[in-house]
PDB file of all heavy atoms in Angstrom:
ATOM      1  N   GLY A   1       0.805  -1.230   0.010  1.00  0.00           N
ATOM      2  CA  GLY A   1       0.000   0.007   0.008  1.00  0.00           C
ATOM      3  C   GLY A   1       0.825   1.271  -0.001  1.00  0.00           C
ATOM      4  O   GLY A   1       0.308   2.345   0.321  1.00  0.00           O
ATOM      5  N   ILE A   2       2.084   1.159  -0.338  1.00  0.00           N
ATOM      6  CA  ILE A   2       2.949   2.333  -0.402  1.00  0.00           C
ATOM      7  C   ILE A   2       2.884   2.861  -1.806  1.00  0.00           C
ATOM      8  O   ILE A   2       3.100   2.127  -2.788  1.00  0.00           O
ATOM      9  CB  ILE A   2       4.396   1.980   0.011  1.00  0.00           C
ATOM     10  CG1 ILE A   2       4.370   1.521   1.476  1.00  0.00           C
ATOM     11  CG2 ILE A   2       5.323   3.160  -0.183  1.00  0.00           C
ATOM     12  CD1 ILE A   2       5.689   0.982   1.954  1.00  0.00           C
ATOM     13  N   GLY A   3       2.644   4.153  -1.954  1.00  0.00           N
ATOM     14  CA  GLY A   3       2.404   4.766  -3.261  1.00  0.00           C
ATOM     15  C   GLY A   3       3.554   4.716  -4.250  1.00  0.00           C
ATOM     16  O   GLY A   3       3.357   4.443  -5.433  1.00  0.00           O
ATOM     17  N   MET A   4       4.761   4.912  -3.766  1.00  0.00           N
ATOM     18  CA  MET A   4       5.900   4.980  -4.672  1.00  0.00           C
ATOM     19  C   MET A   4       6.931   3.913  -4.280  1.00  0.00           C
ATOM     20  O   MET A   4       7.256   3.757  -3.101  1.00  0.00           O
ATOM     21  CB  MET A   4       6.548   6.353  -4.651  1.00  0.00           C
ATOM     22  CG  MET A   4       5.594   7.445  -5.149  1.00  0.00           C
ATOM     23  SD  MET A   4       6.381   9.062  -5.124  1.00  0.00           S
ATOM     24  CE  MET A   4       7.623   8.880  -6.364  1.00  0.00           C
ATOM     25  N   PRO A   5       7.499   3.225  -5.256  1.00  0.00           N
ATOM     26  CA  PRO A   5       8.498   2.191  -4.974  1.00  0.00           C
ATOM     27  C   PRO A   5       9.704   2.722  -4.203  1.00  0.00           C
ATOM     28  O   PRO A   5      10.256   2.067  -3.353  1.00  0.00           O
ATOM     29  CB  PRO A   5       8.899   1.662  -6.350  1.00  0.00           C
ATOM     30  CG  PRO A   5       7.730   1.939  -7.212  1.00  0.00           C
ATOM     31  CD  PRO A   5       7.122   3.214  -6.683  1.00  0.00           C
ATOM     32  N   VAL A   6      10.115   3.966  -4.509  1.00  0.00           N
ATOM     33  CA  VAL A   6      11.271   4.514  -3.803  1.00  0.00           C
ATOM     34  C   VAL A   6      10.973   4.693  -2.321  1.00  0.00           C
ATOM     35  O   VAL A   6      11.859   4.499  -1.477  1.00  0.00           O
ATOM     36  CB  VAL A   6      11.743   5.853  -4.465  1.00  0.00           C
ATOM     37  CG1 VAL A   6      10.755   6.978  -4.199  1.00  0.00           C
ATOM     38  CG2 VAL A   6      13.135   6.227  -4.009  1.00  0.00           C
ATOM     39  N   ASN A   7       9.749   5.034  -1.962  1.00  0.00           N
ATOM     40  CA  ASN A   7       9.388   5.155  -0.546  1.00  0.00           C
ATOM     41  C   ASN A   7       9.427   3.775   0.121  1.00  0.00           C
ATOM     42  O   ASN A   7       9.794   3.661   1.307  1.00  0.00           O
ATOM     43  CB  ASN A   7       8.007   5.763  -0.392  1.00  0.00           C
ATOM     44  CG  ASN A   7       7.981   7.229  -0.764  1.00  0.00           C
ATOM     45  OD1 ASN A   7       9.028   7.868  -0.799  1.00  0.00           O
ATOM     46  ND2 ASN A   7       6.806   7.747  -1.029  1.00  0.00           N
ATOM     47  N   PHE A   8       9.088   2.735  -0.614  1.00  0.00           N
ATOM     48  CA  PHE A   8       9.161   1.365  -0.082  1.00  0.00           C
ATOM     49  C   PHE A   8      10.639   1.021   0.201  1.00  0.00           C
ATOM     50  O   PHE A   8      10.958   0.415   1.247  1.00  0.00           O
ATOM     51  CB  PHE A   8       8.566   0.389  -1.094  1.00  0.00           C
ATOM     52  CG  PHE A   8       8.666  -1.048  -0.664  1.00  0.00           C
ATOM     53  CD1 PHE A   8       7.867  -1.541   0.354  1.00  0.00           C
ATOM     54  CD2 PHE A   8       9.579  -1.899  -1.254  1.00  0.00           C
ATOM     55  CE1 PHE A   8       7.965  -2.861   0.757  1.00  0.00           C
ATOM     56  CE2 PHE A   8       9.705  -3.211  -0.862  1.00  0.00           C
ATOM     57  CZ  PHE A   8       8.872  -3.702   0.151  1.00  0.00           C
ATOM     58  N   LEU A   9      11.526   1.398  -0.691  1.00  0.00           N
ATOM     59  CA  LEU A   9      12.945   1.150  -0.482  1.00  0.00           C
ATOM     60  C   LEU A   9      13.506   1.905   0.729  1.00  0.00           C
ATOM     61  O   LEU A   9      14.294   1.368   1.494  1.00  0.00           O
ATOM     62  CB  LEU A   9      13.755   1.518  -1.737  1.00  0.00           C
ATOM     63  CG  LEU A   9      13.526   0.601  -2.952  1.00  0.00           C
ATOM     64  CD1 LEU A   9      14.305   1.128  -4.144  1.00  0.00           C
ATOM     65  CD2 LEU A   9      13.883  -0.830  -2.633  1.00  0.00           C
ATOM     66  N   PHE A  10      13.039   3.160   0.894  1.00  0.00           N
ATOM     67  CA  PHE A  10      13.463   3.905   2.086  1.00  0.00           C
ATOM     68  C   PHE A  10      12.961   3.245   3.368  1.00  0.00           C
ATOM     69  O   PHE A  10      13.678   3.169   4.365  1.00  0.00           O
ATOM     70  CB  PHE A  10      12.956   5.366   2.034  1.00  0.00           C
ATOM     71  CG  PHE A  10      13.789   6.250   1.149  1.00  0.00           C
ATOM     72  CD1 PHE A  10      13.221   6.951   0.124  1.00  0.00           C
ATOM     73  CD2 PHE A  10      15.143   6.404   1.394  1.00  0.00           C
ATOM     74  CE1 PHE A  10      13.974   7.751  -0.699  1.00  0.00           C
ATOM     75  CE2 PHE A  10      15.930   7.218   0.596  1.00  0.00           C
ATOM     76  CZ  PHE A  10      15.336   7.908  -0.460  1.00  0.00           C
ATOM     77  N   LEU A  11      11.723   2.729   3.345  1.00  0.00           N
ATOM     78  CA  LEU A  11      11.177   2.016   4.504  1.00  0.00           C
ATOM     79  C   LEU A  11      12.027   0.777   4.810  1.00  0.00           C
ATOM     80  O   LEU A  11      12.378   0.505   5.960  1.00  0.00           O
ATOM     81  CB  LEU A  11       9.729   1.653   4.281  1.00  0.00           C
ATOM     82  CG  LEU A  11       9.076   0.811   5.391  1.00  0.00           C
ATOM     83  CD1 LEU A  11       9.005   1.600   6.663  1.00  0.00           C
ATOM     84  CD2 LEU A  11       7.728   0.321   4.962  1.00  0.00           C
ATOM     85  N   LEU A  12      12.352   0.002   3.773  1.00  0.00           N
ATOM     86  CA  LEU A  12      13.187  -1.174   3.961  1.00  0.00           C
ATOM     87  C   LEU A  12      14.552  -0.818   4.528  1.00  0.00           C
ATOM     88  O   LEU A  12      15.048  -1.492   5.434  1.00  0.00           O
ATOM     89  CB  LEU A  12      13.359  -1.935   2.639  1.00  0.00           C
ATOM     90  CG  LEU A  12      12.201  -2.750   2.161  1.00  0.00           C
ATOM     91  CD1 LEU A  12      12.558  -3.438   0.827  1.00  0.00           C
ATOM     92  CD2 LEU A  12      11.768  -3.771   3.185  1.00  0.00           C
ATOM     93  N   GLY A  13      15.127   0.256   4.016  1.00  0.00           N
ATOM     94  CA  GLY A  13      16.434   0.683   4.527  1.00  0.00           C
ATOM     95  C   GLY A  13      16.374   1.093   5.980  1.00  0.00           C
ATOM     96  O   GLY A  13      17.240   0.729   6.787  1.00  0.00           O
ATOM     97  N   PHE A  14      15.334   1.807   6.334  1.00  0.00           N
ATOM     98  CA  PHE A  14      15.161   2.258   7.728  1.00  0.00           C
ATOM     99  C   PHE A  14      14.980   1.031   8.634  1.00  0.00           C
ATOM    100  O   PHE A  14      15.615   0.952   9.702  1.00  0.00           O
ATOM    101  CB  PHE A  14      13.959   3.179   7.831  1.00  0.00           C
ATOM    102  CG  PHE A  14      13.646   3.609   9.235  1.00  0.00           C
ATOM    103  CD1 PHE A  14      14.466   4.536   9.863  1.00  0.00           C
ATOM    104  CD2 PHE A  14      12.543   3.090   9.906  1.00  0.00           C
ATOM    105  CE1 PHE A  14      14.194   4.906  11.184  1.00  0.00           C
ATOM    106  CE2 PHE A  14      12.274   3.485  11.204  1.00  0.00           C
ATOM    107  CZ  PHE A  14      13.086   4.402  11.851  1.00  0.00           C
ATOM    108  N   CYS A  15      14.159   0.084   8.231  1.00  0.00           N
ATOM    109  CA  CYS A  15      13.920  -1.128   9.036  1.00  0.00           C
ATOM    110  C   CYS A  15      15.214  -1.930   9.172  1.00  0.00           C
ATOM    111  O   CYS A  15      15.514  -2.452  10.247  1.00  0.00           O
ATOM    112  CB  CYS A  15      12.821  -1.984   8.433  1.00  0.00           C
ATOM    113  SG  CYS A  15      11.198  -1.218   8.548  1.00  0.00           S
ATOM    114  N   PHE A  16      15.970  -2.025   8.103  1.00  0.00           N
ATOM    115  CA  PHE A  16      17.236  -2.735   8.145  1.00  0.00           C
ATOM    116  C   PHE A  16      18.181  -2.089   9.148  1.00  0.00           C
ATOM    117  O   PHE A  16      18.803  -2.776   9.964  1.00  0.00           O
ATOM    118  CB  PHE A  16      17.889  -2.755   6.759  1.00  0.00           C
ATOM    119  CG  PHE A  16      19.302  -3.283   6.773  1.00  0.00           C
ATOM    120  CD1 PHE A  16      19.543  -4.643   6.943  1.00  0.00           C
ATOM    121  CD2 PHE A  16      20.362  -2.422   6.653  1.00  0.00           C
ATOM    122  CE1 PHE A  16      20.837  -5.127   6.998  1.00  0.00           C
ATOM    123  CE2 PHE A  16      21.659  -2.896   6.685  1.00  0.00           C
ATOM    124  CZ  PHE A  16      21.894  -4.258   6.857  1.00  0.00           C
ATOM    125  N   LEU A  17      18.270  -0.773   9.136  1.00  0.00           N
ATOM    126  CA  LEU A  17      19.164  -0.078  10.050  1.00  0.00           C
ATOM    127  C   LEU A  17      18.721  -0.264  11.501  1.00  0.00           C
ATOM    128  O   LEU A  17      19.561  -0.414  12.401  1.00  0.00           O
ATOM    129  CB  LEU A  17      19.252   1.396   9.711  1.00  0.00           C
ATOM    130  CG  LEU A  17      20.003   1.706   8.432  1.00  0.00           C
ATOM    131  CD1 LEU A  17      19.948   3.208   8.121  1.00  0.00           C
ATOM    132  CD2 LEU A  17      21.449   1.249   8.502  1.00  0.00           C
ATOM    133  N   LEU A  18      17.417  -0.326  11.738  1.00  0.00           N
ATOM    134  CA  LEU A  18      16.928  -0.603  13.092  1.00  0.00           C
ATOM    135  C   LEU A  18      17.344  -2.007  13.564  1.00  0.00           C
ATOM    136  O   LEU A  18      17.766  -2.197  14.680  1.00  0.00           O
ATOM    137  CB  LEU A  18      15.403  -0.467  13.143  1.00  0.00           C
ATOM    138  CG  LEU A  18      14.843   0.953  13.172  1.00  0.00           C
ATOM    139  CD1 LEU A  18      13.321   0.909  13.148  1.00  0.00           C
ATOM    140  CD2 LEU A  18      15.331   1.679  14.396  1.00  0.00           C
ATOM    141  N   VAL A  19      17.197  -2.978  12.665  1.00  0.00           N
ATOM    142  CA  VAL A  19      17.553  -4.359  13.012  1.00  0.00           C
ATOM    143  C   VAL A  19      19.061  -4.463  13.287  1.00  0.00           C
ATOM    144  O   VAL A  19      19.487  -5.093  14.270  1.00  0.00           O
ATOM    145  CB  VAL A  19      17.110  -5.325  11.895  1.00  0.00           C
ATOM    146  CG1 VAL A  19      17.689  -6.717  12.114  1.00  0.00           C
ATOM    147  CG2 VAL A  19      15.597  -5.399  11.848  1.00  0.00           C
ATOM    148  N   VAL A  20      19.883  -3.850  12.433  1.00  0.00           N
ATOM    149  CA  VAL A  20      21.331  -3.906  12.644  1.00  0.00           C
ATOM    150  C   VAL A  20      21.696  -3.177  13.937  1.00  0.00           C
ATOM    151  O   VAL A  20      22.520  -3.695  14.720  1.00  0.00           O
ATOM    152  CB  VAL A  20      22.069  -3.276  11.423  1.00  0.00           C
ATOM    153  CG1 VAL A  20      23.530  -3.057  11.743  1.00  0.00           C
ATOM    154  CG2 VAL A  20      21.912  -4.164  10.213  1.00  0.00           C
ATOM    155  N   SER A  21      21.069  -2.059  14.199  1.00  0.00           N
ATOM    156  CA  SER A  21      21.353  -1.328  15.426  1.00  0.00           C
ATOM    157  C   SER A  21      21.005  -2.158  16.650  1.00  0.00           C
ATOM    158  O   SER A  21      21.762  -2.194  17.635  1.00  0.00           O
ATOM    159  CB  SER A  21      20.591  -0.004  15.423  1.00  0.00           C
ATOM    160  OG  SER A  21      20.803   0.685  16.614  1.00  0.00           O
ATOM    161  N   PHE A  22      19.860  -2.829  16.613  1.00  0.00           N
ATOM    162  CA  PHE A  22      19.454  -3.669  17.737  1.00  0.00           C
ATOM    163  C   PHE A  22      20.425  -4.830  17.906  1.00  0.00           C
ATOM    164  O   PHE A  22      20.850  -5.140  19.025  1.00  0.00           O
ATOM    165  CB  PHE A  22      18.031  -4.199  17.507  1.00  0.00           C
ATOM    166  CG  PHE A  22      17.569  -5.081  18.625  1.00  0.00           C
ATOM    167  CD1 PHE A  22      17.201  -4.544  19.838  1.00  0.00           C
ATOM    168  CD2 PHE A  22      17.488  -6.448  18.437  1.00  0.00           C
ATOM    169  CE1 PHE A  22      16.777  -5.356  20.874  1.00  0.00           C
ATOM    170  CE2 PHE A  22      17.057  -7.261  19.475  1.00  0.00           C
ATOM    171  CZ  PHE A  22      16.720  -6.732  20.688  1.00  0.00           C
ATOM    172  N   GLY A  23      20.822  -5.446  16.808  1.00  0.00           N
ATOM    173  CA  GLY A  23      21.783  -6.572  16.877  1.00  0.00           C
ATOM    174  C   GLY A  23      23.118  -6.135  17.455  1.00  0.00           C
ATOM    175  O   GLY A  23      23.719  -6.861  18.271  1.00  0.00           O
ATOM    176  N   MET A  24      23.593  -4.967  17.033  1.00  0.00           N
ATOM    177  CA  MET A  24      24.846  -4.463  17.581  1.00  0.00           C
ATOM    178  C   MET A  24      24.708  -4.104  19.058  1.00  0.00           C
ATOM    179  O   MET A  24      25.658  -4.301  19.840  1.00  0.00           O
ATOM    180  CB  MET A  24      25.307  -3.230  16.793  1.00  0.00           C
ATOM    181  CG  MET A  24      25.730  -3.503  15.400  1.00  0.00           C
ATOM    182  SD  MET A  24      27.166  -4.593  15.354  1.00  0.00           S
ATOM    183  CE  MET A  24      26.633  -5.768  14.157  1.00  0.00           C
ATOM    184  N   THR A  25      23.566  -3.608  19.477  1.00  0.00           N
ATOM    185  CA  THR A  25      23.345  -3.317  20.876  1.00  0.00           C
ATOM    186  C   THR A  25      23.385  -4.601  21.710  1.00  0.00           C
ATOM    187  O   THR A  25      23.978  -4.621  22.786  1.00  0.00           O
ATOM    188  CB  THR A  25      21.997  -2.591  21.079  1.00  0.00           C
ATOM    189  OG1 THR A  25      21.990  -1.396  20.295  1.00  0.00           O
ATOM    190  CG2 THR A  25      21.752  -2.235  22.531  1.00  0.00           C
ATOM    191  N   VAL A  26      22.762  -5.657  21.215  1.00  0.00           N
ATOM    192  CA  VAL A  26      22.781  -6.935  21.924  1.00  0.00           C
ATOM    193  C   VAL A  26      24.212  -7.463  21.995  1.00  0.00           C
ATOM    194  O   VAL A  26      24.663  -7.913  23.060  1.00  0.00           O
ATOM    195  CB  VAL A  26      21.855  -7.954  21.220  1.00  0.00           C
ATOM    196  CG1 VAL A  26      22.053  -9.369  21.779  1.00  0.00           C
ATOM    197  CG2 VAL A  26      20.412  -7.527  21.364  1.00  0.00           C
ATOM    198  N   ALA A  27      24.938  -7.425  20.902  1.00  0.00           N
ATOM    199  CA  ALA A  27      26.343  -7.901  20.900  1.00  0.00           C
ATOM    200  C   ALA A  27      27.199  -7.072  21.842  1.00  0.00           C
ATOM    201  O   ALA A  27      28.014  -7.611  22.582  1.00  0.00           O
ATOM    202  CB  ALA A  27      26.902  -7.830  19.466  1.00  0.00           C
ATOM    203  N   LEU A  28      27.010  -5.780  21.871  1.00  0.00           N
ATOM    204  CA  LEU A  28      27.764  -4.886  22.769  1.00  0.00           C
ATOM    205  C   LEU A  28      27.442  -5.212  24.220  1.00  0.00           C
ATOM    206  O   LEU A  28      28.348  -5.262  25.068  1.00  0.00           O
ATOM    207  CB  LEU A  28      27.455  -3.429  22.443  1.00  0.00           C
ATOM    208  CG  LEU A  28      28.171  -2.406  23.288  1.00  0.00           C
ATOM    209  CD1 LEU A  28      29.665  -2.471  23.032  1.00  0.00           C
ATOM    210  CD2 LEU A  28      27.657  -1.006  22.970  1.00  0.00           C
ATOM    211  N   SER A  29      26.181  -5.459  24.508  1.00  0.00           N
ATOM    212  CA  SER A  29      25.785  -5.800  25.873  1.00  0.00           C
ATOM    213  C   SER A  29      26.450  -7.097  26.330  1.00  0.00           C
ATOM    214  O   SER A  29      26.957  -7.183  27.452  1.00  0.00           O
ATOM    215  CB  SER A  29      24.273  -5.905  25.948  1.00  0.00           C
ATOM    216  OG  SER A  29      23.870  -6.303  27.245  1.00  0.00           O
ATOM    217  N   LYS A  30      26.452  -8.115  25.442  1.00  0.00           N
ATOM    218  CA  LYS A  30      27.091  -9.387  25.774  1.00  0.00           C
ATOM    219  C   LYS A  30      28.606  -9.201  25.990  1.00  0.00           C
ATOM    220  O   LYS A  30      29.163  -9.758  26.952  1.00  0.00           O
ATOM    221  CB  LYS A  30      26.857 -10.411  24.667  1.00  0.00           C
ATOM    222  CG  LYS A  30      25.472 -10.977  24.619  1.00  0.00           C
ATOM    223  CD  LYS A  30      25.343 -11.978  23.500  1.00  0.00           C
ATOM    224  CE  LYS A  30      23.936 -12.492  23.395  1.00  0.00           C
ATOM    225  NZ  LYS A  30      23.806 -13.450  22.274  1.00  0.00           N
ATOM    226  N   MET A  31      29.231  -8.439  25.146  1.00  0.00           N
ATOM    227  CA  MET A  31      30.657  -8.201  25.291  1.00  0.00           C
ATOM    228  C   MET A  31      30.992  -7.433  26.571  1.00  0.00           C
ATOM    229  O   MET A  31      31.986  -7.726  27.236  1.00  0.00           O
ATOM    230  CB  MET A  31      31.225  -7.460  24.098  1.00  0.00           C
ATOM    231  CG  MET A  31      31.388  -8.299  22.887  1.00  0.00           C
ATOM    232  SD  MET A  31      32.351  -7.412  21.663  1.00  0.00           S
ATOM    233  CE  MET A  31      32.413  -8.627  20.403  1.00  0.00           C
ATOM    234  N   ASN A  32      30.133  -6.484  26.906  1.00  0.00           N
ATOM    235  CA  ASN A  32      30.330  -5.723  28.125  1.00  0.00           C
ATOM    236  C   ASN A  32      30.285  -6.649  29.348  1.00  0.00           C
ATOM    237  O   ASN A  32      31.107  -6.552  30.259  1.00  0.00           O
ATOM    238  CB  ASN A  32      29.253  -4.624  28.226  1.00  0.00           C
ATOM    239  CG  ASN A  32      29.559  -3.616  29.288  1.00  0.00           C
ATOM    240  OD1 ASN A  32      30.682  -3.526  29.771  1.00  0.00           O
ATOM    241  ND2 ASN A  32      28.573  -2.856  29.649  1.00  0.00           N
ATOM    242  N   GLU A  33      29.372  -7.589  29.325  1.00  0.00           N
ATOM    243  CA  GLU A  33      29.251  -8.549  30.432  1.00  0.00           C
ATOM    244  C   GLU A  33      30.463  -9.469  30.480  1.00  0.00           C
ATOM    245  O   GLU A  33      30.975  -9.783  31.564  1.00  0.00           O
ATOM    246  CB  GLU A  33      27.964  -9.373  30.261  1.00  0.00           C
ATOM    247  CG  GLU A  33      27.519 -10.100  31.499  1.00  0.00           C
ATOM    248  CD  GLU A  33      27.273  -9.211  32.703  1.00  0.00           C
ATOM    249  OE1 GLU A  33      26.745  -8.084  32.554  1.00  0.00           O
ATOM    250  OE2 GLU A  33      27.625  -9.646  33.816  1.00  0.00           O
ATOM    251  N   ARG A  34      30.943  -9.893  29.317  1.00  0.00           N
ATOM    252  CA  ARG A  34      32.129 -10.736  29.265  1.00  0.00           C
ATOM    253  C   ARG A  34      33.375 -10.009  29.780  1.00  0.00           C
ATOM    254  O   ARG A  34      34.182 -10.574  30.492  1.00  0.00           O
ATOM    255  CB  ARG A  34      32.397 -11.194  27.845  1.00  0.00           C
ATOM    256  CG  ARG A  34      31.380 -12.210  27.356  1.00  0.00           C
ATOM    257  CD  ARG A  34      31.528 -12.387  25.886  1.00  0.00           C
ATOM    258  NE  ARG A  34      31.870 -13.741  25.547  1.00  0.00           N
ATOM    259  CZ  ARG A  34      32.128 -14.159  24.329  1.00  0.00           C
ATOM    260  NH1 ARG A  34      32.127 -13.300  23.318  1.00  0.00           N
ATOM    261  NH2 ARG A  34      32.413 -15.416  24.091  1.00  0.00           N
ATOM    262  N   VAL A  35      33.516  -8.750  29.428  1.00  0.00           N
ATOM    263  CA  VAL A  35      34.662  -7.950  29.889  1.00  0.00           C
ATOM    264  C   VAL A  35      34.585  -7.811  31.416  1.00  0.00           C
ATOM    265  O   VAL A  35      35.611  -7.950  32.100  1.00  0.00           O
ATOM    266  CB  VAL A  35      34.714  -6.578  29.197  1.00  0.00           C
ATOM    267  CG1 VAL A  35      35.683  -5.642  29.911  1.00  0.00           C
ATOM    268  CG2 VAL A  35      35.075  -6.712  27.760  1.00  0.00           C
ATOM    269  N   LYS A  36      33.423  -7.575  31.916  1.00  0.00           N
ATOM    270  CA  LYS A  36      33.248  -7.435  33.375  1.00  0.00           C
ATOM    271  C   LYS A  36      33.654  -8.749  34.085  1.00  0.00           C
ATOM    272  O   LYS A  36      34.375  -8.739  35.062  1.00  0.00           O
ATOM    273  CB  LYS A  36      31.791  -7.073  33.709  1.00  0.00           C
ATOM    274  CG  LYS A  36      31.519  -6.883  35.177  1.00  0.00           C
ATOM    275  CD  LYS A  36      30.081  -6.422  35.382  1.00  0.00           C
ATOM    276  CE  LYS A  36      29.391  -7.372  36.302  1.00  0.00           C
ATOM    277  NZ  LYS A  36      27.987  -7.094  36.470  1.00  0.00           N
ATOM    278  N   THR A  37      33.190  -9.883  33.549  1.00  0.00           N
ATOM    279  CA  THR A  37      33.505 -11.193  34.134  1.00  0.00           C
ATOM    280  C   THR A  37      34.999 -11.461  34.074  1.00  0.00           C
ATOM    281  O   THR A  37      35.601 -11.915  35.038  1.00  0.00           O
ATOM    282  CB  THR A  37      32.699 -12.311  33.418  1.00  0.00           C
ATOM    283  OG1 THR A  37      31.322 -12.029  33.534  1.00  0.00           O
ATOM    284  CG2 THR A  37      33.017 -13.653  34.010  1.00  0.00           C
ATOM    285  N   LEU A  38      35.596 -11.199  32.918  1.00  0.00           N
ATOM    286  CA  LEU A  38      37.036 -11.422  32.755  1.00  0.00           C
ATOM    287  C   LEU A  38      37.847 -10.526  33.695  1.00  0.00           C
ATOM    288  O   LEU A  38      38.854 -10.969  34.277  1.00  0.00           O
ATOM    289  CB  LEU A  38      37.454 -11.189  31.312  1.00  0.00           C
ATOM    290  CG  LEU A  38      37.042 -12.284  30.330  1.00  0.00           C
ATOM    291  CD1 LEU A  38      37.333 -11.820  28.918  1.00  0.00           C
ATOM    292  CD2 LEU A  38      37.768 -13.572  30.629  1.00  0.00           C
ATOM    293  N   THR A  39      37.424  -9.302  33.873  1.00  0.00           N
ATOM    294  CA  THR A  39      38.125  -8.374  34.773  1.00  0.00           C
ATOM    295  C   THR A  39      38.060  -8.886  36.194  1.00  0.00           C
ATOM    296  O   THR A  39      39.049  -8.854  36.929  1.00  0.00           O
ATOM    297  CB  THR A  39      37.509  -6.965  34.681  1.00  0.00           C
ATOM    298  OG1 THR A  39      37.555  -6.532  33.339  1.00  0.00           O
ATOM    299  CG2 THR A  39      38.224  -5.975  35.565  1.00  0.00           C
ATOM    300  N   GLN A  40      36.884  -9.379  36.604  1.00  0.00           N
ATOM    301  CA  GLN A  40      36.740  -9.918  37.965  1.00  0.00           C
ATOM    302  C   GLN A  40      37.601 -11.173  38.140  1.00  0.00           C
ATOM    303  O   GLN A  40      38.280 -11.327  39.162  1.00  0.00           O
ATOM    304  CB  GLN A  40      35.273 -10.238  38.240  1.00  0.00           C
ATOM    305  CG  GLN A  40      34.398  -9.019  38.354  1.00  0.00           C
ATOM    306  CD  GLN A  40      32.928  -9.328  38.397  1.00  0.00           C
ATOM    307  OE1 GLN A  40      32.492 -10.412  38.064  1.00  0.00           O
ATOM    308  NE2 GLN A  40      32.136  -8.340  38.793  1.00  0.00           N
ATOM    309  N   GLU A  41      37.618 -12.053  37.122  1.00  0.00           N
ATOM    310  CA  GLU A  41      38.435 -13.273  37.225  1.00  0.00           C
ATOM    311  C   GLU A  41      39.920 -12.924  37.283  1.00  0.00           C
ATOM    312  O   GLU A  41      40.684 -13.524  38.051  1.00  0.00           O
ATOM    313  CB  GLU A  41      38.153 -14.189  36.041  1.00  0.00           C
ATOM    314  CG  GLU A  41      36.789 -14.862  36.104  1.00  0.00           C
ATOM    315  CD  GLU A  41      36.479 -15.676  34.875  1.00  0.00           C
ATOM    316  OE1 GLU A  41      37.301 -15.741  33.938  1.00  0.00           O
ATOM    317  OE2 GLU A  41      35.376 -16.269  34.852  1.00  0.00           O
TER     318      GLU A  41
END
């Protein structure tokens, strides 16, 4: 239901960046926890 194909591509690009950003946040959180554990050990 999107009027113009270019707007559809912009929507896909925006959604992709959100997914990548979320994935990187999760990876960063895991690494932060690992660094904390290693520092304590």
